[in-house]
Amino acid sequence: MDTASYVTPEEVRLALRKLHLEDTETNPELALRSALADDLKPVDARGRWKPSSLVILAGVFVLALLGVFLYFSLGRSL
């Protein structure tokens, strides 16, 4: 039998690995980036990832809450 026409298991593994790395649904990092990206323009003019305005607003809100917590827990004792 001629084995040149058969696909080896290693070639199948490499092809599946490549397919899963490029797929945004199976790659957790890409899925998270696409979920948190801006809906209208996920990439800016320079090719960098652009976060959603909701993510930025939530980050500012969390930082404000953290600041208030630190002020009232540490600031009052000084």
C-alpha atoms as a PDB file:
ATOM      1  CA  MET A   1       0.000   0.000   0.000  1.00  0.00           C
ATOM      2  CA  ASP A   2       1.113   3.509  -0.737  1.00  0.00           C
ATOM      3  CA  THR A   3       1.149   5.583   2.469  1.00  0.00           C
ATOM      4  CA  ALA A   4       1.793   8.880   0.684  1.00  0.00           C
ATOM      5  CA  SER A   5      -1.929   9.465   0.114  1.00  0.00           C
ATOM      6  CA  TYR A   6      -2.941   8.888   3.734  1.00  0.00           C
ATOM      7  CA  VAL A   7      -3.153  11.560   6.396  1.00  0.00           C
ATOM      8  CA  THR A   8      -1.086  10.903   9.483  1.00  0.00           C
ATOM      9  CA  PRO A   9      -2.525  11.400  12.968  1.00  0.00           C
ATOM     10  CA  GLU A  10       0.053  14.122  13.601  1.00  0.00           C
ATOM     11  CA  GLU A  11      -1.181  16.101  10.591  1.00  0.00           C
ATOM     12  CA  VAL A  12      -4.741  15.796  11.848  1.00  0.00           C
ATOM     13  CA  ARG A  13      -3.682  17.005  15.310  1.00  0.00           C
ATOM     14  CA  LEU A  14      -1.857  20.002  13.842  1.00  0.00           C
ATOM     15  CA  ALA A  15      -4.803  20.884  11.607  1.00  0.00           C
ATOM     16  CA  LEU A  16      -7.267  20.677  14.524  1.00  0.00           C
ATOM     17  CA  ARG A  17      -4.977  22.712  16.766  1.00  0.00           C
ATOM     18  CA  LYS A  18      -4.713  25.413  14.086  1.00  0.00           C
ATOM     19  CA  LEU A  19      -8.489  25.395  13.601  1.00  0.00           C
ATOM     20  CA  HIS A  20      -9.166  25.763  17.328  1.00  0.00           C
ATOM     21  CA  LEU A  21      -6.607  28.544  17.782  1.00  0.00           C
ATOM     22  CA  GLU A  22      -8.195  30.666  15.056  1.00  0.00           C
ATOM     23  CA  ASP A  23     -11.784  30.098  16.166  1.00  0.00           C
ATOM     24  CA  THR A  24     -13.035  32.789  18.538  1.00  0.00           C
ATOM     25  CA  GLU A  25     -15.636  30.529  20.151  1.00  0.00           C
ATOM     26  CA  THR A  26     -13.161  27.871  21.267  1.00  0.00           C
ATOM     27  CA  ASN A  27     -10.343  30.206  22.293  1.00  0.00           C
ATOM     28  CA  PRO A  28     -11.278  31.745  25.678  1.00  0.00           C
ATOM     29  CA  GLU A  29      -8.996  34.763  25.292  1.00  0.00           C
ATOM     30  CA  LEU A  30     -10.385  35.707  21.889  1.00  0.00           C
ATOM     31  CA  ALA A  31     -13.946  35.060  23.068  1.00  0.00           C
ATOM     32  CA  LEU A  32     -13.455  37.397  26.037  1.00  0.00           C
ATOM     33  CA  ARG A  33     -11.851  40.052  23.848  1.00  0.00           C
ATOM     34  CA  SER A  34     -14.659  39.930  21.320  1.00  0.00           C
ATOM     35  CA  ALA A  35     -17.272  40.059  24.089  1.00  0.00           C
ATOM     36  CA  LEU A  36     -15.678  43.103  25.718  1.00  0.00           C
ATOM     37  CA  ALA A  37     -14.806  44.892  22.471  1.00  0.00           C
ATOM     38  CA  ASP A  38     -16.630  47.906  21.117  1.00  0.00           C
ATOM     39  CA  ASP A  39     -19.592  46.809  19.015  1.00  0.00           C
ATOM     40  CA  LEU A  40     -19.195  49.417  16.291  1.00  0.00           C
ATOM     41  CA  LYS A  41     -15.408  49.490  15.904  1.00  0.00           C
ATOM     42  CA  PRO A  42     -13.624  46.684  17.797  1.00  0.00           C
ATOM     43  CA  VAL A  43     -10.235  47.753  16.341  1.00  0.00           C
ATOM     44  CA  ASP A  44      -9.025  51.352  16.081  1.00  0.00           C
ATOM     45  CA  ALA A  45      -7.071  52.932  13.192  1.00  0.00           C
ATOM     46  CA  ARG A  46      -3.739  51.602  14.514  1.00  0.00           C
ATOM     47  CA  GLY A  47      -5.029  48.033  14.758  1.00  0.00           C
ATOM     48  CA  ARG A  48      -5.270  47.968  18.542  1.00  0.00           C
ATOM     49  CA  TRP A  49      -8.171  46.478  20.494  1.00  0.00           C
ATOM     50  CA  LYS A  50     -10.783  49.045  21.516  1.00  0.00           C
ATOM     51  CA  PRO A  51     -12.799  48.270  24.666  1.00  0.00           C
ATOM     52  CA  SER A  52     -16.510  48.870  24.888  1.00  0.00           C
ATOM     53  CA  SER A  53     -17.697  52.077  26.530  1.00  0.00           C
ATOM     54  CA  LEU A  54     -19.682  49.945  28.979  1.00  0.00           C
ATOM     55  CA  VAL A  55     -16.476  48.206  30.103  1.00  0.00           C
ATOM     56  CA  ILE A  56     -14.783  51.574  30.638  1.00  0.00           C
ATOM     57  CA  LEU A  57     -17.776  52.882  32.585  1.00  0.00           C
ATOM     58  CA  ALA A  58     -17.858  49.765  34.772  1.00  0.00           C
ATOM     59  CA  GLY A  59     -14.115  50.109  35.440  1.00  0.00           C
ATOM     60  CA  VAL A  60     -14.521  53.736  36.509  1.00  0.00           C
ATOM     61  CA  PHE A  61     -17.436  52.770  38.747  1.00  0.00           C
ATOM     62  CA  VAL A  62     -15.436  49.975  40.406  1.00  0.00           C
ATOM     63  CA  LEU A  63     -12.479  52.319  40.954  1.00  0.00           C
ATOM     64  CA  ALA A  64     -14.783  54.918  42.506  1.00  0.00           C
ATOM     65  CA  LEU A  65     -16.274  52.330  44.858  1.00  0.00           C
ATOM     66  CA  LEU A  66     -12.800  51.137  45.782  1.00  0.00           C
ATOM     67  CA  GLY A  67     -11.725  54.717  46.480  1.00  0.00           C
ATOM     68  CA  VAL A  68     -14.732  55.341  48.721  1.00  0.00           C
ATOM     69  CA  PHE A  69     -14.095  52.099  50.572  1.00  0.00           C
ATOM     70  CA  LEU A  70     -10.431  52.918  51.130  1.00  0.00           C
ATOM     71  CA  TYR A  71     -11.246  56.459  52.218  1.00  0.00           C
ATOM     72  CA  PHE A  72     -13.755  55.390  54.834  1.00  0.00           C
ATOM     73  CA  SER A  73     -11.796  52.371  56.054  1.00  0.00           C
ATOM     74  CA  LEU A  74      -8.259  53.804  56.139  1.00  0.00           C
ATOM     75  CA  GLY A  75      -8.830  57.548  55.926  1.00  0.00           C
ATOM     76  CA  ARG A  76     -10.959  57.831  59.029  1.00  0.00           C
ATOM     77  CA  SER A  77      -8.414  56.020  61.190  1.00  0.00           C
ATOM     78  CA  LEU A  78      -5.621  58.501  60.401  1.00  0.00           C
END
